[in-house]
PDB file of N, CA and C in Angstrom:
ATOM      1  N   MET A   1      83.502 100.259 118.680  1.00  0.00           N
ATOM      2  CA  MET A   1      83.849  99.121 118.107  1.00  0.00           C
ATOM      3  C   MET A   1      83.171  97.821 118.898  1.00  0.00           C
ATOM      4  N   LYS A   2      83.332  97.958 120.079  1.00  0.00           N
ATOM      5  CA  LYS A   2      82.216  96.528 120.788  1.00  0.00           C
ATOM      6  C   LYS A   2      80.951  95.889 120.441  1.00  0.00           C
ATOM      7  N   MET A   3      80.663  97.636 120.054  1.00  0.00           N
ATOM      8  CA  MET A   3      79.130  97.265 119.119  1.00  0.00           C
ATOM      9  C   MET A   3      79.333  96.143 117.761  1.00  0.00           C
ATOM     10  N   ARG A   4      79.976  96.478 117.400  1.00  0.00           N
ATOM     11  CA  ARG A   4      80.336  95.583 116.152  1.00  0.00           C
ATOM     12  C   ARG A   4      80.206  94.445 116.292  1.00  0.00           C
ATOM     13  N   VAL A   5      81.253  94.004 116.768  1.00  0.00           N
ATOM     14  CA  VAL A   5      81.951  92.793 117.234  1.00  0.00           C
ATOM     15  C   VAL A   5      80.227  91.719 117.701  1.00  0.00           C
ATOM     16  N   ALA A   6      79.648  92.787 119.162  1.00  0.00           N
ATOM     17  CA  ALA A   6      78.526  92.155 119.164  1.00  0.00           C
ATOM     18  C   ALA A   6      77.227  91.840 118.420  1.00  0.00           C
ATOM     19  N   VAL A   7      77.097  92.658 117.414  1.00  0.00           N
ATOM     20  CA  VAL A   7      76.578  92.864 115.797  1.00  0.00           C
ATOM     21  C   VAL A   7      76.903  91.739 115.194  1.00  0.00           C
ATOM     22  N   LEU A   8      78.445  91.369 115.026  1.00  0.00           N
ATOM     23  CA  LEU A   8      79.209  90.362 114.274  1.00  0.00           C
ATOM     24  C   LEU A   8      78.657  88.996 114.633  1.00  0.00           C
ATOM     25  N   LEU A   9      79.145  88.827 116.313  1.00  0.00           N
ATOM     26  CA  LEU A   9      78.269  87.958 116.795  1.00  0.00           C
ATOM     27  C   LEU A   9      77.219  87.241 116.734  1.00  0.00           C
ATOM     28  N   ALA A  10      75.819  88.405 116.900  1.00  0.00           N
ATOM     29  CA  ALA A  10      74.535  87.960 116.513  1.00  0.00           C
ATOM     30  C   ALA A  10      74.317  87.330 115.511  1.00  0.00           C
ATOM     31  N   VAL A  11      74.953  87.776 114.078  1.00  0.00           N
ATOM     32  CA  VAL A  11      74.723  87.541 112.903  1.00  0.00           C
ATOM     33  C   VAL A  11      75.247  85.762 113.251  1.00  0.00           C
ATOM     34  N   ILE A  12      76.364  85.455 113.541  1.00  0.00           N
ATOM     35  CA  ILE A  12      76.873  84.352 113.553  1.00  0.00           C
ATOM     36  C   ILE A  12      76.021  82.863 114.084  1.00  0.00           C
ATOM     37  N   ALA A  13      75.265  83.922 115.538  1.00  0.00           N
ATOM     38  CA  ALA A  13      74.323  83.084 115.960  1.00  0.00           C
ATOM     39  C   ALA A  13      73.296  82.489 115.196  1.00  0.00           C
ATOM     40  N   MET A  14      73.077  83.622 114.307  1.00  0.00           N
ATOM     41  CA  MET A  14      71.407  83.597 113.489  1.00  0.00           C
ATOM     42  C   MET A  14      71.698  82.395 112.177  1.00  0.00           C
ATOM     43  N   PHE A  15      73.291  82.460 111.894  1.00  0.00           N
ATOM     44  CA  PHE A  15      73.405  81.177 110.642  1.00  0.00           C
ATOM     45  C   PHE A  15      73.360  79.666 111.493  1.00  0.00           C
ATOM     46  N   CYS A  16      73.713  79.909 112.671  1.00  0.00           N
ATOM     47  CA  CYS A  16      74.099  78.039 113.585  1.00  0.00           C
ATOM     48  C   CYS A  16      72.772  78.002 114.903  1.00  0.00           C
ATOM     49  N   ALA A  17      71.930  78.939 114.702  1.00  0.00           N
ATOM     50  CA  ALA A  17      70.773  78.713 116.043  1.00  0.00           C
ATOM     51  C   ALA A  17      70.297  77.149 115.322  1.00  0.00           C
ATOM     52  N   ALA A  18      69.813  76.855 113.988  1.00  0.00           N
ATOM     53  CA  ALA A  18      69.048  75.777 113.655  1.00  0.00           C
ATOM     54  C   ALA A  18      69.780  74.571 114.290  1.00  0.00           C
ATOM     55  N   ASP A  19      70.849  74.461 113.829  1.00  0.00           N
ATOM     56  CA  ASP A  19      71.578  73.299 114.263  1.00  0.00           C
ATOM     57  C   ASP A  19      73.249  73.139 114.747  1.00  0.00           C
ATOM     58  N   ALA A  20      73.743  73.540 115.777  1.00  0.00           N
ATOM     59  CA  ALA A  20      75.190  73.858 116.445  1.00  0.00           C
ATOM     60  C   ALA A  20      75.943  72.772 115.481  1.00  0.00           C
ATOM     61  N   GLN A  21      75.534  71.843 115.566  1.00  0.00           N
ATOM     62  CA  GLN A  21      76.860  70.401 115.424  1.00  0.00           C
ATOM     63  C   GLN A  21      76.950  70.381 113.821  1.00  0.00           C
ATOM     64  N   THR A  22      75.941  70.985 112.867  1.00  0.00           N
ATOM     65  CA  THR A  22      76.604  71.270 111.619  1.00  0.00           C
ATOM     66  C   THR A  22      76.144  72.340 111.008  1.00  0.00           C
ATOM     67  N   CYS A  23      76.891  73.253 112.072  1.00  0.00           N
ATOM     68  CA  CYS A  23      77.125  74.863 111.563  1.00  0.00           C
ATOM     69  C   CYS A  23      78.027  75.164 111.192  1.00  0.00           C
ATOM     70  N   ALA A  24      78.518  75.046 109.621  1.00  0.00           N
ATOM     71  CA  ALA A  24      80.239  75.252 109.137  1.00  0.00           C
ATOM     72  C   ALA A  24      79.994  76.834 108.924  1.00  0.00           C
ATOM     73  N   LEU A  25      80.964  77.277 109.572  1.00  0.00           N
ATOM     74  CA  LEU A  25      81.035  78.413 109.322  1.00  0.00           C
ATOM     75  C   LEU A  25      82.205  79.117 108.409  1.00  0.00           C
ATOM     76  N   ASP A  26      82.934  77.944 107.847  1.00  0.00           N
ATOM     77  CA  ASP A  26      83.771  78.388 106.629  1.00  0.00           C
ATOM     78  C   ASP A  26      82.956  79.450 105.554  1.00  0.00           C
ATOM     79  N   GLY A  27      81.933  79.427 105.165  1.00  0.00           N
ATOM     80  CA  GLY A  27      81.084  80.133 104.221  1.00  0.00           C
ATOM     81  C   GLY A  27      80.854  81.317 104.707  1.00  0.00           C
ATOM     82  N   LEU A  28      80.518  81.536 105.675  1.00  0.00           N
ATOM     83  CA  LEU A  28      80.167  82.939 106.603  1.00  0.00           C
ATOM     84  C   LEU A  28      81.615  83.748 106.859  1.00  0.00           C
ATOM     85  N   MET A  29      82.518  82.971 107.206  1.00  0.00           N
ATOM     86  CA  MET A  29      83.717  84.107 107.956  1.00  0.00           C
ATOM     87  C   MET A  29      84.267  84.183 106.264  1.00  0.00           C
ATOM     88  N   SER A  30      84.327  83.217 105.155  1.00  0.00           N
ATOM     89  CA  SER A  30      85.241  83.980 103.972  1.00  0.00           C
ATOM     90  C   SER A  30      84.230  84.569 103.770  1.00  0.00           C
ATOM     91  N   SER A  31      83.068  85.678 103.194  1.00  0.00           N
ATOM     92  CA  SER A  31      82.475  86.097 102.905  1.00  0.00           C
ATOM     93  C   SER A  31      82.645  87.534 103.586  1.00  0.00           C
ATOM     94  N   LEU A  32      82.840  87.232 105.334  1.00  0.00           N
ATOM     95  CA  LEU A  32      82.978  88.678 106.231  1.00  0.00           C
ATOM     96  C   LEU A  32      84.543  89.004 105.405  1.00  0.00           C
ATOM     97  N   THR A  33      85.368  87.985 105.727  1.00  0.00           N
ATOM     98  CA  THR A  33      86.722  88.297 105.412  1.00  0.00           C
ATOM     99  C   THR A  33      86.651  88.825 104.105  1.00  0.00           C
ATOM    100  N   GLU A  34      86.123  88.587 103.193  1.00  0.00           N
ATOM    101  CA  GLU A  34      86.366  89.169 101.693  1.00  0.00           C
ATOM    102  C   GLU A  34      85.316  90.603 101.847  1.00  0.00           C
ATOM    103  N   SER A  35      84.829  90.570 102.497  1.00  0.00           N
ATOM    104  CA  SER A  35      84.253  91.889 102.625  1.00  0.00           C
ATOM    105  C   SER A  35      84.920  92.924 103.489  1.00  0.00           C
ATOM    106  N   VAL A  36      85.350  92.459 104.692  1.00  0.00           N
ATOM    107  CA  VAL A  36      86.243  94.009 105.454  1.00  0.00           C
ATOM    108  C   VAL A  36      87.991  93.864 104.750  1.00  0.00           C
ATOM    109  N   ALA A  37      88.174  93.000 103.892  1.00  0.00           N
ATOM    110  CA  ALA A  37      89.619  93.608 103.488  1.00  0.00           C
ATOM    111  C   ALA A  37      89.053  93.908 102.119  1.00  0.00           C
ATOM    112  N   SER A  38      88.087  93.842 101.474  1.00  0.00           N
ATOM    113  CA  SER A  38      87.942  94.839 100.597  1.00  0.00           C
ATOM    114  C   SER A  38      88.159  96.178 100.673  1.00  0.00           C
ATOM    115  N   ALA A  39      86.728  96.610 101.971  1.00  0.00           N
ATOM    116  CA  ALA A  39      86.510  97.816 102.386  1.00  0.00           C
ATOM    117  C   ALA A  39      88.118  98.266 102.745  1.00  0.00           C
ATOM    118  N   VAL A  40      88.601  97.678 103.170  1.00  0.00           N
ATOM    119  CA  VAL A  40      90.073  97.925 104.344  1.00  0.00           C
ATOM    120  C   VAL A  40      90.726  98.499 103.261  1.00  0.00           C
ATOM    121  N   LEU A  41      90.938  97.748 101.763  1.00  0.00           N
ATOM    122  CA  LEU A  41      92.035  98.011 100.936  1.00  0.00           C
ATOM    123  C   LEU A  41      91.106  99.294 100.017  1.00  0.00           C
ATOM    124  N   GLN A  42      90.774  99.389 100.172  1.00  0.00           N
ATOM    125  CA  GLN A  42      89.438 100.627  99.518  1.00  0.00           C
ATOM    126  C   GLN A  42      90.332 102.183  99.982  1.00  0.00           C
ATOM    127  N   LYS A  43      90.644 102.151 101.021  1.00  0.00           N
ATOM    128  CA  LYS A  43      91.268 103.103 102.024  1.00  0.00           C
ATOM    129  C   LYS A  43      92.572 103.219 101.649  1.00  0.00           C
ATOM    130  N   VAL A  44      93.172 102.451 101.395  1.00  0.00           N
ATOM    131  CA  VAL A  44      94.944 102.164 101.469  1.00  0.00           C
ATOM    132  C   VAL A  44      95.209 102.886 100.382  1.00  0.00           C
ATOM    133  N   THR A  45      96.461 103.725 100.021  1.00  0.00           N
ATOM    134  CA  THR A  45      97.425 103.326  99.175  1.00  0.00           C
ATOM    135  C   THR A  45      98.647 103.782  99.481  1.00  0.00           C
ATOM    136  N   LEU A  46      99.434 103.589  98.882  1.00  0.00           N
ATOM    137  CA  LEU A  46     101.024 103.626  98.651  1.00  0.00           C
ATOM    138  C   LEU A  46     101.536 104.658  98.274  1.00  0.00           C
ATOM    139  N   SER A  47     102.109 105.098  98.689  1.00  0.00           N
ATOM    140  CA  SER A  47     102.899 106.785  98.782  1.00  0.00           C
ATOM    141  C   SER A  47     104.533 106.809  98.085  1.00  0.00           C
ATOM    142  N   CYS A  48     104.836 107.103  97.091  1.00  0.00           N
ATOM    143  CA  CYS A  48     106.390 106.434  97.066  1.00  0.00           C
ATOM    144  C   CYS A  48     107.040 107.936  96.522  1.00  0.00           C
ATOM    145  N   ILE A  49     108.335 108.396  96.861  1.00  0.00           N
ATOM    146  CA  ILE A  49     108.760 109.392  96.602  1.00  0.00           C
ATOM    147  C   ILE A  49     110.665 109.338  96.543  1.00  0.00           C
ATOM    148  N   ASP A  50     111.358 109.886  95.697  1.00  0.00           N
ATOM    149  CA  ASP A  50     112.513 109.858  95.525  1.00  0.00           C
ATOM    150  C   ASP A  50     113.709 110.556  96.424  1.00  0.00           C
ATOM    151  N   ALA A  51     114.720 110.227  97.344  1.00  0.00           N
ATOM    152  CA  ALA A  51     115.587 110.891  97.867  1.00  0.00           C
ATOM    153  C   ALA A  51     116.611 110.499  97.247  1.00  0.00           C
ATOM    154  N   SER A  52     117.865 111.716  97.345  1.00  0.00           N
ATOM    155  CA  SER A  52     118.995 111.698  96.678  1.00  0.00           C
ATOM    156  C   SER A  52     120.204 112.247  97.454  1.00  0.00           C
ATOM    157  N   ALA A  53     120.774 112.202  97.596  1.00  0.00           N
ATOM    158  CA  ALA A  53     122.421 113.052  98.269  1.00  0.00           C
ATOM    159  C   ALA A  53     123.774 112.499  97.673  1.00  0.00           C
ATOM    160  N   ARG A  54     124.662 113.512  98.018  1.00  0.00           N
ATOM    161  CA  ARG A  54     126.018 113.274  97.092  1.00  0.00           C
ATOM    162  C   ARG A  54     126.464 111.986  98.276  1.00  0.00           C
ATOM    163  N   GLY A  55     127.376 111.624  98.062  1.00  0.00           N
ATOM    164  CA  GLY A  55     128.312 110.781  98.812  1.00  0.00           C
ATOM    165  C   GLY A  55     127.587 109.443  98.504  1.00  0.00           C
ATOM    166  N   SER A  56     127.565 108.493  99.573  1.00  0.00           N
ATOM    167  CA  SER A  56     127.480 107.120  99.580  1.00  0.00           C
ATOM    168  C   SER A  56     125.675 106.649 100.135  1.00  0.00           C
ATOM    169  N   LEU A  57     125.436 107.330 100.659  1.00  0.00           N
ATOM    170  CA  LEU A  57     124.398 107.668 101.846  1.00  0.00           C
ATOM    171  C   LEU A  57     123.028 108.250 101.398  1.00  0.00           C
ATOM    172  N   ALA A  58     121.710 107.527 101.301  1.00  0.00           N
ATOM    173  CA  ALA A  58     120.630 108.285 101.425  1.00  0.00           C
ATOM    174  C   ALA A  58     119.462 108.190 102.470  1.00  0.00           C
ATOM    175  N   ASN A  59     118.968 108.980 102.646  1.00  0.00           N
ATOM    176  CA  ASN A  59     118.188 108.280 103.903  1.00  0.00           C
ATOM    177  C   ASN A  59     116.598 108.983 103.400  1.00  0.00           C
ATOM    178  N   CYS A  60     115.744 108.286 104.024  1.00  0.00           N
ATOM    179  CA  CYS A  60     114.424 108.426 103.986  1.00  0.00           C
ATOM    180  C   CYS A  60     113.646 109.385 104.827  1.00  0.00           C
ATOM    181  N   PRO A  61     112.937 110.423 104.449  1.00  0.00           N
ATOM    182  CA  PRO A  61     112.399 111.243 105.275  1.00  0.00           C
ATOM    183  C   PRO A  61     111.419 109.890 106.078  1.00  0.00           C
ATOM    184  N   ALA A  62     111.384 110.745 107.639  1.00  0.00           N
ATOM    185  CA  ALA A  62     110.730 109.934 108.210  1.00  0.00           C
ATOM    186  C   ALA A  62     109.044 109.784 108.147  1.00  0.00           C
ATOM    187  N   GLY A  63     108.740 108.036 107.910  1.00  0.00           N
ATOM    188  CA  GLY A  63     107.638 107.901 108.230  1.00  0.00           C
ATOM    189  C   GLY A  63     107.781 106.997 106.319  1.00  0.00           C
ATOM    190  N   TYR A  64     108.766 107.162 105.774  1.00  0.00           N
ATOM    191  CA  TYR A  64     108.845 106.323 104.675  1.00  0.00           C
ATOM    192  C   TYR A  64     109.956 105.257 105.013  1.00  0.00           C
ATOM    193  N   LYS A  65     109.687 104.346 104.041  1.00  0.00           N
ATOM    194  CA  LYS A  65     110.993 103.168 104.110  1.00  0.00           C
ATOM    195  C   LYS A  65     111.370 102.774 102.761  1.00  0.00           C
ATOM    196  N   PRO A  66     113.054 102.547 102.753  1.00  0.00           N
ATOM    197  CA  PRO A  66     113.466 102.715 101.505  1.00  0.00           C
ATOM    198  C   PRO A  66     113.104 100.785 100.835  1.00  0.00           C
ATOM    199  N   THR A  67     113.064 101.268  99.609  1.00  0.00           N
ATOM    200  CA  THR A  67     112.081  99.817  98.600  1.00  0.00           C
ATOM    201  C   THR A  67     113.377  99.615  97.773  1.00  0.00           C
ATOM    202  N   GLY A  68     114.692 100.820  97.284  1.00  0.00           N
ATOM    203  CA  GLY A  68     115.189 100.282  96.595  1.00  0.00           C
ATOM    204  C   GLY A  68     116.183 101.604  96.285  1.00  0.00           C
ATOM    205  N   CYS A  69     117.394 101.253  95.843  1.00  0.00           N
ATOM    206  CA  CYS A  69     118.488 102.127  95.981  1.00  0.00           C
ATOM    207  C   CYS A  69     119.067 101.818  94.766  1.00  0.00           C
ATOM    208  N   SER A  70     119.606 103.299  94.397  1.00  0.00           N
ATOM    209  CA  SER A  70     120.323 103.314  92.893  1.00  0.00           C
ATOM    210  C   SER A  70     121.702 103.932  93.323  1.00  0.00           C
ATOM    211  N   CYS A  71     122.946 103.731  92.548  1.00  0.00           N
ATOM    212  CA  CYS A  71     124.371 103.949  92.800  1.00  0.00           C
ATOM    213  C   CYS A  71     124.757 104.908  92.252  1.00  0.00           C
ATOM    214  N   GLY A  72     125.583 105.894  91.874  1.00  0.00           N
ATOM    215  CA  GLY A  72     126.484 106.521  90.790  1.00  0.00           C
ATOM    216  C   GLY A  72     127.347 105.530  90.759  1.00  0.00           C
ATOM    217  N   ASN A  73     128.497 106.585  89.578  1.00  0.00           N
ATOM    218  CA  ASN A  73     129.952 105.408  89.163  1.00  0.00           C
ATOM    219  C   ASN A  73     129.354 104.115  89.039  1.00  0.00           C
ATOM    220  N   ALA A  74     128.499 103.916  88.246  1.00  0.00           N
ATOM    221  CA  ALA A  74     128.048 102.457  87.866  1.00  0.00           C
ATOM    222  C   ALA A  74     128.128 101.230  88.859  1.00  0.00           C
ATOM    223  N   CYS A  75     127.793 101.885  90.158  1.00  0.00           N
ATOM    224  CA  CYS A  75     127.842 100.576  91.275  1.00  0.00           C
ATOM    225  C   CYS A  75     126.789 100.226  91.527  1.00  0.00           C
ATOM    226  N   GLY A  76     126.796  98.707  91.243  1.00  0.00           N
ATOM    227  CA  GLY A  76     125.300  98.140  91.654  1.00  0.00           C
ATOM    228  C   GLY A  76     125.496  96.904  93.017  1.00  0.00           C
ATOM    229  N   SER A  77     126.022  97.128  93.702  1.00  0.00           N
ATOM    230  CA  SER A  77     126.741  97.108  95.017  1.00  0.00           C
ATOM    231  C   SER A  77     125.841  97.982  95.972  1.00  0.00           C
ATOM    232  N   TRP A  78     124.337  97.872  96.874  1.00  0.00           N
ATOM    233  CA  TRP A  78     124.064  98.312  97.971  1.00  0.00           C
ATOM    234  C   TRP A  78     123.151  97.704  98.899  1.00  0.00           C
ATOM    235  N   ASP A  79     122.893  97.789  99.975  1.00  0.00           N
ATOM    236  CA  ASP A  79     122.534  97.512 100.707  1.00  0.00           C
ATOM    237  C   ASP A  79     121.661  99.021 101.522  1.00  0.00           C
ATOM    238  N   ILE A  80     120.516  98.729 102.846  1.00  0.00           N
ATOM    239  CA  ILE A  80     119.696  99.433 103.190  1.00  0.00           C
ATOM    240  C   ILE A  80     120.051  99.164 104.911  1.00  0.00           C
ATOM    241  N   ARG A  81     119.966 100.277 105.269  1.00  0.00           N
ATOM    242  CA  ARG A  81     120.673 100.505 106.970  1.00  0.00           C
ATOM    243  C   ARG A  81     119.655 100.837 107.423  1.00  0.00           C
ATOM    244  N   ASN A  82     119.477 100.285 108.709  1.00  0.00           N
ATOM    245  CA  ASN A  82     118.499 100.960 109.900  1.00  0.00           C
ATOM    246  C   ASN A  82     117.351 100.928 109.282  1.00  0.00           C
ATOM    247  N   ASP A  83     116.711 100.497 108.194  1.00  0.00           N
ATOM    248  CA  ASP A  83     115.997 100.427 107.723  1.00  0.00           C
ATOM    249  C   ASP A  83     115.243 101.786 107.344  1.00  0.00           C
ATOM    250  N   GLN A  84     116.223 102.643 107.196  1.00  0.00           N
ATOM    251  CA  GLN A  84     115.710 104.282 107.012  1.00  0.00           C
ATOM    252  C   GLN A  84     117.067 104.900 105.635  1.00  0.00           C
ATOM    253  N   THR A  85     117.882 104.049 105.674  1.00  0.00           N
ATOM    254  CA  THR A  85     119.121 104.589 104.485  1.00  0.00           C
ATOM    255  C   THR A  85     119.571 103.798 103.611  1.00  0.00           C
ATOM    256  N   CYS A  86     119.669 104.232 102.203  1.00  0.00           N
ATOM    257  CA  CYS A  86     120.505 103.247 101.109  1.00  0.00           C
ATOM    258  C   CYS A  86     121.710 103.906 101.302  1.00  0.00           C
ATOM    259  N   HIS A  87     122.623 102.646 101.164  1.00  0.00           N
ATOM    260  CA  HIS A  87     123.952 102.739 101.278  1.00  0.00           C
ATOM    261  C   HIS A  87     125.008 101.658 100.285  1.00  0.00           C
ATOM    262  N   CYS A  88     125.364 103.135  99.206  1.00  0.00           N
ATOM    263  CA  CYS A  88     126.132 102.344  98.194  1.00  0.00           C
ATOM    264  C   CYS A  88     127.080 101.814  98.508  1.00  0.00           C
ATOM    265  N   GLN A  89     127.790 100.577  98.032  1.00  0.00           N
ATOM    266  CA  GLN A  89     128.964 100.275  99.161  1.00  0.00           C
ATOM    267  C   GLN A  89     129.993  99.956  97.969  1.00  0.00           C
ATOM    268  N   CYS A  90     129.904 100.713  96.936  1.00  0.00           N
ATOM    269  CA  CYS A  90     131.680 101.439  96.205  1.00  0.00           C
ATOM    270  C   CYS A  90     132.072 102.385  96.878  1.00  0.00           C
ATOM    271  N   ALA A  91     133.297 102.201  96.702  1.00  0.00           N
ATOM    272  CA  ALA A  91     134.533 103.355  97.097  1.00  0.00           C
ATOM    273  C   ALA A  91     133.955 105.015  96.486  1.00  0.00           C
ATOM    274  N   ASN A  92     134.234 105.831  96.854  1.00  0.00           N
ATOM    275  CA  ASN A  92     134.122 107.095  95.940  1.00  0.00           C
ATOM    276  C   ASN A  92     133.019 106.934  95.183  1.00  0.00           C
ATOM    277  N   GLN A  93     131.999 107.312  95.995  1.00  0.00           N
ATOM    278  CA  GLN A  93     130.321 107.414  94.967  1.00  0.00           C
ATOM    279  C   GLN A  93     130.358 108.999  95.183  1.00  0.00           C
ATOM    280  N   ASP A  94     129.854 109.146  93.980  1.00  0.00           N
ATOM    281  CA  ASP A  94     129.511 110.472  93.427  1.00  0.00           C
ATOM    282  C   ASP A  94     127.826 111.304  94.226  1.00  0.00           C
ATOM    283  N   TRP A  95     127.234 110.066  93.982  1.00  0.00           N
ATOM    284  CA  TRP A  95     125.518 110.077  94.700  1.00  0.00           C
ATOM    285  C   TRP A  95     124.984 109.055  95.011  1.00  0.00           C
ATOM    286  N   THR A  96     124.169 108.942  95.453  1.00  0.00           N
ATOM    287  CA  THR A  96     123.045 108.126  96.127  1.00  0.00           C
ATOM    288  C   THR A  96     121.954 107.846  95.785  1.00  0.00           C
ATOM    289  N   ALA A  97     120.736 107.195  95.421  1.00  0.00           N
ATOM    290  CA  ALA A  97     119.311 107.459  94.938  1.00  0.00           C
ATOM    291  C   ALA A  97     118.867 106.885  95.925  1.00  0.00           C
ATOM    292  N   ALA A  98     117.288 106.477  96.735  1.00  0.00           N
ATOM    293  CA  ALA A  98     116.980 105.789  97.300  1.00  0.00           C
ATOM    294  C   ALA A  98     115.286 106.230  96.767  1.00  0.00           C
ATOM    295  N   ARG A  99     114.404 104.954  96.666  1.00  0.00           N
ATOM    296  CA  ARG A  99     112.926 105.163  96.336  1.00  0.00           C
ATOM    297  C   ARG A  99     112.408 104.734  97.645  1.00  0.00           C
ATOM    298  N   CYS A 100     111.679 105.829  98.110  1.00  0.00           N
ATOM    299  CA  CYS A 100     111.344 105.560  99.471  1.00  0.00           C
ATOM    300  C   CYS A 100     109.294 105.454  99.842  1.00  0.00           C
ATOM    301  N   CYS A 101     109.173 104.862 100.130  1.00  0.00           N
ATOM    302  CA  CYS A 101     107.374 104.481 100.416  1.00  0.00           C
ATOM    303  C   CYS A 101     107.291 104.600 101.819  1.00  0.00           C
ATOM    304  N   LYS A 102     105.449 104.469 101.858  1.00  0.00           N
ATOM    305  CA  LYS A 102     104.932 104.014 102.894  1.00  0.00           C
ATOM    306  C   LYS A 102     103.547 103.722 102.831  1.00  0.00           C
ATOM    307  N   ILE A 103     102.487 103.642 103.435  1.00  0.00           N
ATOM    308  CA  ILE A 103     101.074 102.442 103.140  1.00  0.00           C
ATOM    309  C   ILE A 103     100.827 104.102 103.771  1.00  0.00           C
ATOM    310  N   ALA A 104      99.523 104.402 103.135  1.00  0.00           N
ATOM    311  CA  ALA A 104      98.714 105.441 103.519  1.00  0.00           C
ATOM    312  C   ALA A 104      97.405 105.120 103.769  1.00  0.00           C
ATOM    313  N   VAL A 105      96.804 105.601 104.797  1.00  0.00           N
ATOM    314  CA  VAL A 105      95.199 105.209 104.395  1.00  0.00           C
ATOM    315  C   VAL A 105      94.483 106.385 104.768  1.00  0.00           C
ATOM    316  N   ASN A 106      93.832 106.461 103.882  1.00  0.00           N
ATOM    317  CA  ASN A 106      92.814 107.423 103.136  1.00  0.00           C
ATOM    318  C   ASN A 106      91.516 107.530 104.050  1.00  0.00           C
ATOM    319  N   TYR A 107      91.539 108.213 104.789  1.00  0.00           N
ATOM    320  CA  TYR A 107      89.495 108.769 105.582  1.00  0.00           C
ATOM    321  C   TYR A 107      89.314 109.704 105.866  1.00  0.00           C
ATOM    322  N   LYS A 108      87.530 109.743 106.321  1.00  0.00           N
ATOM    323  CA  LYS A 108      86.843 111.103 106.243  1.00  0.00           C
ATOM    324  C   LYS A 108      87.749 111.879 107.869  1.00  0.00           C
ATOM    325  N   PRO A 109      87.822 112.897 108.126  1.00  0.00           N
ATOM    326  CA  PRO A 109      88.005 113.048 109.039  1.00  0.00           C
ATOM    327  C   PRO A 109      86.943 113.038 110.060  1.00  0.00           C
ATOM    328  N   GLY A 110      86.785 112.506 110.872  1.00  0.00           N
ATOM    329  CA  GLY A 110      85.417 112.451 111.884  1.00  0.00           C
ATOM    330  C   GLY A 110      85.055 110.900 111.746  1.00  0.00           C
ATOM    331  N   LYS A 111      85.584 110.364 110.940  1.00  0.00           N
ATOM    332  CA  LYS A 111      85.455 108.631 110.801  1.00  0.00           C
ATOM    333  C   LYS A 111      86.100 108.034 110.992  1.00  0.00           C
ATOM    334  N   ASP A 112      85.683 106.748 111.706  1.00  0.00           N
ATOM    335  CA  ASP A 112      87.096 105.444 112.155  1.00  0.00           C
ATOM    336  C   ASP A 112      87.189 105.162 111.355  1.00  0.00           C
ATOM    337  N   VAL A 113      88.780 104.874 111.118  1.00  0.00           N
ATOM    338  CA  VAL A 113      89.404 104.130 110.414  1.00  0.00           C
ATOM    339  C   VAL A 113      89.153 102.731 110.073  1.00  0.00           C
ATOM    340  N   THR A 114      88.725 102.398 110.910  1.00  0.00           N
ATOM    341  CA  THR A 114      88.235 100.772 111.409  1.00  0.00           C
ATOM    342  C   THR A 114      86.578 100.899 110.695  1.00  0.00           C
ATOM    343  N   ASP A 115      86.017 101.701 109.843  1.00  0.00           N
ATOM    344  CA  ASP A 115      84.590 101.639 109.800  1.00  0.00           C
ATOM    345  C   ASP A 115      84.324 100.977 108.570  1.00  0.00           C
ATOM    346  N   VAL A 116      83.506  99.874 108.482  1.00  0.00           N
ATOM    347  CA  VAL A 116      83.383  99.002 107.283  1.00  0.00           C
ATOM    348  C   VAL A 116      82.045  98.602 107.285  1.00  0.00           C
ATOM    349  N   GLU A 117      81.410  98.730 106.307  1.00  0.00           N
ATOM    350  CA  GLU A 117      80.093  97.848 106.078  1.00  0.00           C
ATOM    351  C   GLU A 117      79.816  96.632 106.189  1.00  0.00           C
ATOM    352  N   ILE A 118      79.352  95.705 107.139  1.00  0.00           N
ATOM    353  CA  ILE A 118      79.181  94.251 106.910  1.00  0.00           C
ATOM    354  C   ILE A 118      77.613  93.833 105.984  1.00  0.00           C
ATOM    355  N   PRO A 119      78.060  93.215 104.730  1.00  0.00           N
ATOM    356  CA  PRO A 119      76.540  93.067 103.274  1.00  0.00           C
ATOM    357  C   PRO A 119      75.863  92.391 104.395  1.00  0.00           C
ATOM    358  N   THR A 120      75.101  92.808 103.958  1.00  0.00           N
ATOM    359  CA  THR A 120      73.321  92.213 104.489  1.00  0.00           C
ATOM    360  C   THR A 120      73.301  90.846 103.110  1.00  0.00           C
ATOM    361  N   ASP A 121      73.843  90.496 102.385  1.00  0.00           N
ATOM    362  CA  ASP A 121      73.287  89.618 101.443  1.00  0.00           C
ATOM    363  C   ASP A 121      74.748  88.582 101.484  1.00  0.00           C
ATOM    364  N   LEU A 122      75.089  88.035 102.986  1.00  0.00           N
ATOM    365  CA  LEU A 122      75.784  86.965 103.105  1.00  0.00           C
ATOM    366  C   LEU A 122      74.349  85.370 102.689  1.00  0.00           C
ATOM    367  N   PRO A 123      75.076  84.494 102.504  1.00  0.00           N
ATOM    368  CA  PRO A 123      74.587  83.541 101.996  1.00  0.00           C
ATOM    369  C   PRO A 123      74.294  82.779 103.405  1.00  0.00           C
ATOM    370  N   THR A 124      72.336  82.243 103.276  1.00  0.00           N
ATOM    371  CA  THR A 124      71.859  81.804 103.721  1.00  0.00           C
ATOM    372  C   THR A 124      72.258  80.244 104.010  1.00  0.00           C
ATOM    373  N   ASN A 125      72.674  79.036 103.044  1.00  0.00           N
ATOM    374  CA  ASN A 125      72.951  78.023 102.705  1.00  0.00           C
ATOM    375  C   ASN A 125      74.490  77.889 103.693  1.00  0.00           C
ATOM    376  N   VAL A 126      75.088  78.328 104.978  1.00  0.00           N
ATOM    377  CA  VAL A 126      75.743  77.792 105.621  1.00  0.00           C
ATOM    378  C   VAL A 126      75.531  76.109 106.240  1.00  0.00           C
ATOM    379  N   VAL A 127      75.705  75.245 105.766  1.00  0.00           N
ATOM    380  CA  VAL A 127      75.223  74.334 106.671  1.00  0.00           C
ATOM    381  C   VAL A 127      76.711  73.343 106.412  1.00  0.00           C
TER     382      VAL A 127
END
């Protein structure tokens, strides 16, 4: 990781070597940020499952967070407790369901999750 930072700083220095006072890094940083964000987002997925239970509480499994709840007996009032549990607020609930999601990062074993390709076709007219 330290080597990547050193390479990135070297690339920035190359663009600014001509005249440090007129070196505008906005274009360069924008290109690098878009490239890194794109590479990271290609490895990220949203994984969702349903969880349900009898009564007024439905728990999401470990690693998942509730994103929405559904209640039996036509109850439309619910809340999320402890960032893990759907709670239906009406009395005498027969069932409660939770939509549980987590963000997953797909990567190849043996590779660093932060491995991203730094593009070589960055704009050279950043002045």
